[in-house]
Amino acid sequence: MSRLQVVSGKGGTGKTTVAAALALALATEGKRALLVEVEGRQGIAQLFETEALPYEERKIAVAPRGGEVYALAIDPERALLDYLQMFYKLGGAGRALKKLGAIDFATTIAPGLRDVLLTGKACEAVRRKDRDGRFAYDYVVMDAPPTGRITRFLNVNDEVAGLARIGPIHNQAQAVMRVLKSPETAVHLVTLLEEMPVQETADGIAELRAAQLPVGRVIVNMVRPAVLDEEDLRLLRDAPRAAVARSLSSVGLGGARRGGTAERLVDPLLAQAGEYAERYALERAQREVLRGLDLSLHELPLLAEGMDLAGLYELATELRQQGIS
């Protein structure tokens, strides 16, 4: 299993939820996982029902059988200060630049610099070791930007390395890309069984592969339970209205006489079955598209009670059972 797990997906597919569940799934059996947020939305804090994350690694959850999940919300300004101190030893001068607004100015006018800092901080956590030479974290899970931006986001250090031919910036960019383009990294795409998210997932995978970035798995989120199968739908579609009314009457839903309760229920019931059949066919077609991408495919259920901390643990259990940990 790759040590850097990058999770992306079209907006609205629940990629932050999946990233959080994945961190919990990976941090089982005493392992340590760091969950990294790069978009500044504090979505991780909301999911784990905790206060806003500071720019420091903080334990936010205990995984089953003794694992630990830490979280970090990367702030580009603080990351740039770290960068300046690491490579140029600016110290107090760097803090003075922040007071003057130079740090915010630099990250605003150069969005590519912002992405360099975000990916660099995550990769530093992947490489970091403790005094005994062991990795500080077994896994780093990044809640990354959406699918439409993920390839540019991850590949920005390649561009920087090409622009800065020598020096610490060049060396740092190359070190980051060595992590991002190695087996240490896997980029997972989250989608729904709907046409637009599936198409964006397919396009994103093609872009990642073209950039030689390691694609991991496709995770289908919020999958509705299967109520009827194809045979059930065929029987319902072909059944005469009178037979449906008699069946309703036989289970106590009004008499079968003309105009009775059972007969009045037939049309709404058949209309609902028709809507279900249409959705069933759409979802089956989208599954086939996803299977054609030649990647491991996982599905997470739509939670009837909505998403809360208990639901997050439930999704983590689903991922473990599907062999993703």
Protein backbone atom coordinates (compact mmCIF):
# COMPACT_ATOMS: atom_id res chain seq x y z
CA MET A 1 0.00 0.00 0.00
CA SER A 2 1.44 3.39 -1.01
CA ARG A 3 2.38 5.63 1.91
CA LEU A 4 0.98 8.83 0.33
CA GLN A 5 -2.70 8.44 -0.48
CA VAL A 6 -4.07 11.34 -2.51
CA VAL A 7 -7.88 11.60 -2.70
CA SER A 8 -9.54 13.72 -5.39
CA GLY A 9 -12.98 13.85 -6.97
CA LYS A 10 -15.53 16.12 -8.57
CA GLY A 11 -17.14 18.61 -6.19
CA GLY A 12 -20.11 17.08 -4.42
CA THR A 13 -18.87 13.48 -4.56
CA GLY A 14 -17.77 13.49 -0.91
CA LYS A 15 -14.01 13.28 -1.43
CA THR A 16 -13.25 14.80 1.99
CA THR A 17 -15.46 12.20 3.66
CA VAL A 18 -13.75 9.41 1.74
CA ALA A 19 -10.29 10.78 2.60
CA ALA A 20 -11.22 10.84 6.30
CA ALA A 21 -12.65 7.31 6.18
CA LEU A 22 -9.54 6.11 4.34
CA ALA A 23 -7.27 7.57 7.04
CA LEU A 24 -9.27 5.71 9.69
CA ALA A 25 -9.12 2.50 7.66
CA LEU A 26 -5.35 2.75 7.20
CA ALA A 27 -4.63 3.60 10.84
CA THR A 28 -5.78 0.23 12.11
CA GLU A 29 -3.65 -2.26 14.06
CA GLY A 30 -1.61 0.41 15.82
CA LYS A 31 -0.60 2.37 12.72
CA ARG A 32 -0.38 6.16 12.49
CA ALA A 33 -1.99 8.11 9.66
CA LEU A 34 -1.78 11.85 8.96
CA LEU A 35 -4.80 13.38 7.24
CA VAL A 36 -3.79 16.52 5.34
CA GLU A 37 -6.15 19.29 4.20
CA VAL A 38 -4.92 21.67 1.49
CA GLU A 39 -7.98 23.70 0.52
CA GLY A 40 -8.55 25.63 3.77
CA ARG A 41 -12.20 24.60 4.17
CA GLN A 42 -11.82 22.92 7.59
CA GLY A 43 -13.93 20.04 6.29
CA ILE A 44 -11.88 17.52 8.27
CA ALA A 45 -12.56 19.30 11.56
CA GLN A 46 -16.29 19.26 10.82
CA LEU A 47 -16.30 15.54 10.01
CA PHE A 48 -14.47 14.63 13.21
CA GLU A 49 -16.60 17.06 15.20
CA THR A 50 -13.61 18.95 16.55
CA GLU A 51 -12.44 22.56 16.58
CA ALA A 52 -10.75 24.15 13.57
CA LEU A 53 -7.38 22.61 12.77
CA PRO A 54 -4.31 24.78 13.41
CA TYR A 55 -1.14 24.70 11.34
CA GLU A 56 0.25 21.81 13.36
CA GLU A 57 -0.25 18.07 13.42
CA ARG A 58 -2.85 17.12 16.00
CA LYS A 59 -4.39 13.78 16.96
CA ILE A 60 -8.08 13.81 16.14
CA ALA A 61 -9.18 10.16 16.31
CA VAL A 62 -8.35 6.68 17.50
CA ALA A 63 -8.74 3.96 14.90
CA PRO A 64 -9.90 0.40 15.64
CA ARG A 65 -7.38 -1.79 17.45
CA GLY A 66 -5.19 1.04 18.64
CA GLY A 67 -4.32 3.12 15.59
CA GLU A 68 -4.14 6.91 15.59
CA VAL A 69 -5.25 9.54 13.08
CA TYR A 70 -3.56 12.93 13.11
CA ALA A 71 -4.65 15.89 11.00
CA LEU A 72 -3.01 18.98 9.54
CA ALA A 73 -4.55 21.94 7.72
CA ILE A 74 -1.69 23.35 5.64
CA ASP A 75 -1.54 27.12 5.59
CA PRO A 76 0.41 28.39 2.54
CA GLU A 77 1.81 31.42 4.39
CA ARG A 78 3.18 29.32 7.25
CA ALA A 79 4.45 26.74 4.78
CA LEU A 80 6.34 29.46 2.89
CA LEU A 81 7.92 30.67 6.14
CA ASP A 82 9.01 27.10 6.85
CA TYR A 83 10.40 26.89 3.33
CA LEU A 84 12.37 30.13 3.67
CA GLN A 85 13.77 29.02 7.01
CA MET A 86 14.66 25.53 5.75
CA PHE A 87 16.55 26.63 2.64
CA TYR A 88 17.58 30.23 3.30
CA LYS A 89 17.74 30.42 7.13
CA LEU A 90 15.80 33.70 7.13
CA GLY A 91 14.42 33.23 10.65
CA GLY A 92 13.26 36.62 11.95
CA ALA A 93 13.55 38.15 8.48
CA GLY A 94 10.90 35.73 7.27
CA ARG A 95 8.57 36.79 10.07
CA ALA A 96 9.19 40.42 9.16
CA LEU A 97 8.19 39.65 5.58
CA LYS A 98 4.94 38.17 6.88
CA LYS A 99 4.18 41.32 8.88
CA LEU A 100 4.74 43.40 5.76
CA GLY A 101 2.27 41.24 3.85
CA ALA A 102 4.92 39.96 1.43
CA ILE A 103 4.12 36.30 2.11
CA ASP A 104 0.42 36.70 1.38
CA PHE A 105 1.27 38.78 -1.71
CA ALA A 106 3.61 36.08 -3.04
CA THR A 107 1.16 33.20 -2.59
CA THR A 108 -1.69 35.25 -4.10
CA ILE A 109 0.02 36.42 -7.28
CA ALA A 110 1.70 33.07 -7.88
CA PRO A 111 -0.88 30.26 -7.44
CA GLY A 112 1.74 27.77 -8.63
CA LEU A 113 3.89 28.71 -5.64
CA ARG A 114 0.96 27.93 -3.36
CA ASP A 115 0.68 24.42 -4.83
CA VAL A 116 4.44 23.89 -4.51
CA LEU A 117 4.20 24.68 -0.81
CA LEU A 118 1.17 22.47 -0.22
CA THR A 119 2.57 19.41 -1.99
CA GLY A 120 5.99 20.00 -0.49
CA LYS A 121 4.63 20.01 3.06
CA ALA A 122 2.72 16.77 2.48
CA CYS A 123 5.75 15.06 0.96
CA GLU A 124 7.90 16.22 3.88
CA ALA A 125 5.50 14.39 6.22
CA VAL A 126 5.83 11.26 4.06
CA ARG A 127 9.65 11.32 4.25
CA ARG A 128 9.99 12.37 7.89
CA LYS A 129 11.56 9.89 10.31
CA ASP A 130 11.88 9.75 14.08
CA ARG A 131 15.08 9.39 16.08
CA ASP A 132 15.03 5.62 15.64
CA GLY A 133 14.93 5.95 11.86
CA ARG A 134 11.28 4.89 11.55
CA PHE A 135 8.78 6.85 9.52
CA ALA A 136 6.83 9.32 11.65
CA TYR A 137 3.63 8.24 9.88
CA ASP A 138 2.78 4.92 8.28
CA TYR A 139 0.44 6.74 5.88
CA VAL A 140 -0.27 10.29 4.80
CA VAL A 141 -3.73 10.87 3.30
CA MET A 142 -4.24 14.10 1.38
CA ASP A 143 -7.68 15.60 0.84
CA ALA A 144 -6.63 17.07 -2.50
CA PRO A 145 -8.19 19.59 -4.93
CA PRO A 146 -11.00 18.46 -7.27
CA THR A 147 -10.45 16.20 -10.27
CA GLY A 148 -10.34 19.06 -12.76
CA ARG A 149 -7.30 20.53 -11.00
CA ILE A 150 -5.56 17.51 -9.53
CA THR A 151 -3.01 16.82 -12.29
CA ARG A 152 -1.79 20.43 -12.44
CA PHE A 153 -1.70 20.56 -8.65
CA LEU A 154 0.47 17.46 -8.32
CA ASN A 155 2.63 18.21 -11.35
CA VAL A 156 3.47 21.81 -10.45
CA ASN A 157 6.86 20.85 -9.02
CA ASP A 158 7.86 19.41 -12.40
CA GLU A 159 7.29 22.84 -13.90
CA VAL A 160 9.20 24.53 -11.08
CA ALA A 161 12.13 22.14 -11.45
CA GLY A 162 12.25 23.01 -15.14
CA LEU A 163 12.24 26.75 -14.47
CA ALA A 164 14.78 26.71 -11.64
CA ARG A 165 17.65 24.74 -13.13
CA ILE A 166 19.88 24.77 -10.05
CA GLY A 167 19.78 25.63 -6.37
CA PRO A 168 17.57 24.65 -3.41
CA ILE A 169 14.27 25.38 -5.18
CA HIS A 170 15.20 23.04 -8.03
CA ASN A 171 16.37 20.36 -5.60
CA GLN A 172 13.25 20.63 -3.44
CA ALA A 173 10.95 20.43 -6.49
CA GLN A 174 12.77 17.33 -7.74
CA ALA A 175 12.57 15.70 -4.31
CA VAL A 176 8.80 16.27 -4.21
CA MET A 177 8.31 14.84 -7.69
CA ARG A 178 10.37 11.77 -6.77
CA VAL A 179 7.75 11.05 -4.12
CA LEU A 180 4.71 11.96 -6.24
CA LYS A 181 5.77 9.89 -9.26
CA SER A 182 6.92 6.88 -7.29
CA PRO A 183 5.12 3.77 -5.98
CA GLU A 184 5.03 5.59 -2.63
CA THR A 185 2.06 7.59 -3.99
CA ALA A 186 -1.40 6.58 -5.19
CA VAL A 187 -4.03 9.03 -6.47
CA HIS A 188 -7.59 7.84 -5.84
CA LEU A 189 -10.63 9.30 -7.62
CA VAL A 190 -14.00 9.57 -5.86
CA THR A 191 -17.15 9.57 -7.97
CA LEU A 192 -20.89 8.96 -7.93
CA LEU A 193 -22.83 6.66 -10.25
CA GLU A 194 -23.86 9.65 -12.34
CA GLU A 195 -22.82 10.61 -15.85
CA MET A 196 -20.96 13.88 -15.17
CA PRO A 197 -18.85 12.67 -12.19
CA VAL A 198 -18.01 9.44 -14.01
CA GLN A 199 -16.94 11.31 -17.14
CA GLU A 200 -14.82 13.71 -15.10
CA THR A 201 -13.25 10.72 -13.34
CA ALA A 202 -12.36 9.11 -16.68
CA ASP A 203 -10.89 12.40 -17.94
CA GLY A 204 -8.94 12.88 -14.72
CA ILE A 205 -7.45 9.40 -14.91
CA ALA A 206 -6.37 9.99 -18.50
CA GLU A 207 -4.66 13.25 -17.49
CA LEU A 208 -2.92 11.65 -14.51
CA ARG A 209 -1.65 8.81 -16.66
CA ALA A 210 -0.42 11.21 -19.33
CA ALA A 211 1.52 13.09 -16.64
CA GLN A 212 2.94 9.77 -15.39
CA LEU A 213 1.35 10.22 -11.98
CA PRO A 214 0.38 6.97 -10.20
CA VAL A 215 -3.36 6.33 -10.33
CA GLY A 216 -4.72 4.26 -7.46
CA ARG A 217 -8.37 3.24 -7.17
CA VAL A 218 -11.81 4.48 -8.09
CA ILE A 219 -14.13 4.83 -5.09
CA VAL A 220 -17.84 5.13 -5.83
CA ASN A 221 -19.46 7.02 -2.98
CA MET A 222 -23.07 7.25 -1.77
CA VAL A 223 -24.28 4.09 -3.53
CA ARG A 224 -28.00 3.51 -3.00
CA PRO A 225 -29.06 0.03 -1.86
CA ALA A 226 -30.40 -2.29 -4.56
CA VAL A 227 -34.12 -2.70 -3.87
CA LEU A 228 -35.09 -4.55 -7.06
CA ASP A 229 -33.01 -6.51 -9.55
CA GLU A 230 -33.58 -6.84 -13.29
CA GLU A 231 -35.90 -9.82 -12.89
CA ASP A 232 -38.04 -7.97 -10.33
CA LEU A 233 -38.29 -4.97 -12.63
CA ARG A 234 -39.28 -7.13 -15.59
CA LEU A 235 -42.02 -8.86 -13.60
CA LEU A 236 -43.37 -5.56 -12.32
CA ARG A 237 -43.28 -3.97 -15.78
CA ASP A 238 -45.12 -6.89 -17.40
CA ALA A 239 -47.67 -7.50 -14.64
CA PRO A 240 -51.28 -6.47 -15.50
CA ARG A 241 -52.64 -3.61 -13.44
CA ALA A 242 -55.40 -5.80 -12.07
CA ALA A 243 -52.86 -8.36 -10.89
CA VAL A 244 -50.90 -5.65 -9.09
CA ALA A 245 -54.09 -4.42 -7.42
CA ARG A 246 -54.93 -7.96 -6.29
CA SER A 247 -51.42 -8.38 -4.86
CA LEU A 248 -51.77 -5.14 -2.90
CA SER A 249 -55.16 -6.23 -1.64
CA SER A 250 -53.79 -9.62 -0.55
CA VAL A 251 -51.38 -7.93 1.87
CA GLY A 252 -54.10 -5.77 3.36
CA LEU A 253 -53.77 -2.58 1.29
CA GLY A 254 -57.48 -2.10 0.55
CA GLY A 255 -59.97 -4.12 -1.47
CA ALA A 256 -59.37 -5.05 -5.11
CA ARG A 257 -62.73 -3.68 -6.28
CA ARG A 258 -62.71 -1.02 -8.96
CA GLY A 259 -61.87 2.38 -7.48
CA GLY A 260 -60.73 0.84 -4.20
CA THR A 261 -57.59 1.73 -2.24
CA ALA A 262 -55.49 -0.98 -3.86
CA GLU A 263 -56.38 0.18 -7.39
CA ARG A 264 -55.60 3.80 -6.52
CA LEU A 265 -52.15 2.72 -5.38
CA VAL A 266 -51.27 0.94 -8.63
CA ASP A 267 -50.37 3.99 -10.76
CA PRO A 268 -48.14 5.68 -8.14
CA LEU A 269 -46.45 2.35 -7.45
CA LEU A 270 -45.78 1.65 -11.12
CA ALA A 271 -44.54 5.23 -11.63
CA GLN A 272 -42.10 4.81 -8.75
CA ALA A 273 -40.96 1.48 -10.17
CA GLY A 274 -40.40 3.17 -13.53
CA GLU A 275 -38.22 5.85 -11.92
CA TYR A 276 -36.27 3.18 -10.10
CA ALA A 277 -35.80 1.20 -13.33
CA GLU A 278 -34.48 4.31 -15.09
CA ARG A 279 -32.00 5.02 -12.29
CA TYR A 280 -31.02 1.34 -12.14
CA ALA A 281 -30.20 1.34 -15.87
CA LEU A 282 -28.21 4.60 -15.57
CA GLU A 283 -26.17 3.32 -12.62
CA ARG A 284 -25.51 -0.01 -14.35
CA ALA A 285 -24.24 1.84 -17.44
CA GLN A 286 -21.95 4.07 -15.33
CA ARG A 287 -20.54 1.01 -13.52
CA GLU A 288 -19.60 -0.43 -16.89
CA VAL A 289 -17.79 2.78 -17.81
CA LEU A 290 -15.86 2.65 -14.54
CA ARG A 291 -14.98 -1.02 -14.99
CA GLY A 292 -13.54 -0.12 -18.38
CA LEU A 293 -10.96 2.13 -16.70
CA ASP A 294 -8.99 -0.95 -15.62
CA LEU A 295 -8.63 0.10 -11.98
CA SER A 296 -9.70 -1.39 -8.66
CA LEU A 297 -13.29 -0.33 -8.04
CA HIS A 298 -14.76 0.12 -4.55
CA GLU A 299 -18.23 1.20 -3.45
CA LEU A 300 -19.35 2.98 -0.29
CA PRO A 301 -23.03 3.05 0.70
CA LEU A 302 -25.30 6.04 1.03
CA LEU A 303 -25.88 6.31 4.78
CA ALA A 304 -29.58 6.65 5.50
CA GLU A 305 -28.98 8.54 8.74
CA GLY A 306 -26.66 11.07 7.12
CA MET A 307 -22.95 11.62 7.77
CA ASP A 308 -21.68 11.90 11.33
CA LEU A 309 -18.70 10.54 13.23
CA ALA A 310 -20.30 7.11 13.61
CA GLY A 311 -20.95 7.06 9.87
CA LEU A 312 -17.31 7.88 9.22
CA TYR A 313 -16.22 4.83 11.21
CA GLU A 314 -18.80 2.76 9.32
CA LEU A 315 -17.31 3.81 5.98
CA ALA A 316 -13.81 3.04 7.28
CA THR A 317 -14.98 -0.47 8.15
CA GLU A 318 -16.40 -0.85 4.63
CA LEU A 319 -13.04 0.15 3.13
CA ARG A 320 -11.15 -2.33 5.32
CA GLN A 321 -13.55 -5.11 4.40
CA GLN A 322 -12.99 -4.33 0.73
CA GLY A 323 -9.24 -4.73 1.21
CA ILE A 324 -8.25 -1.10 0.77
CA SER A 325 -6.18 -1.02 3.98
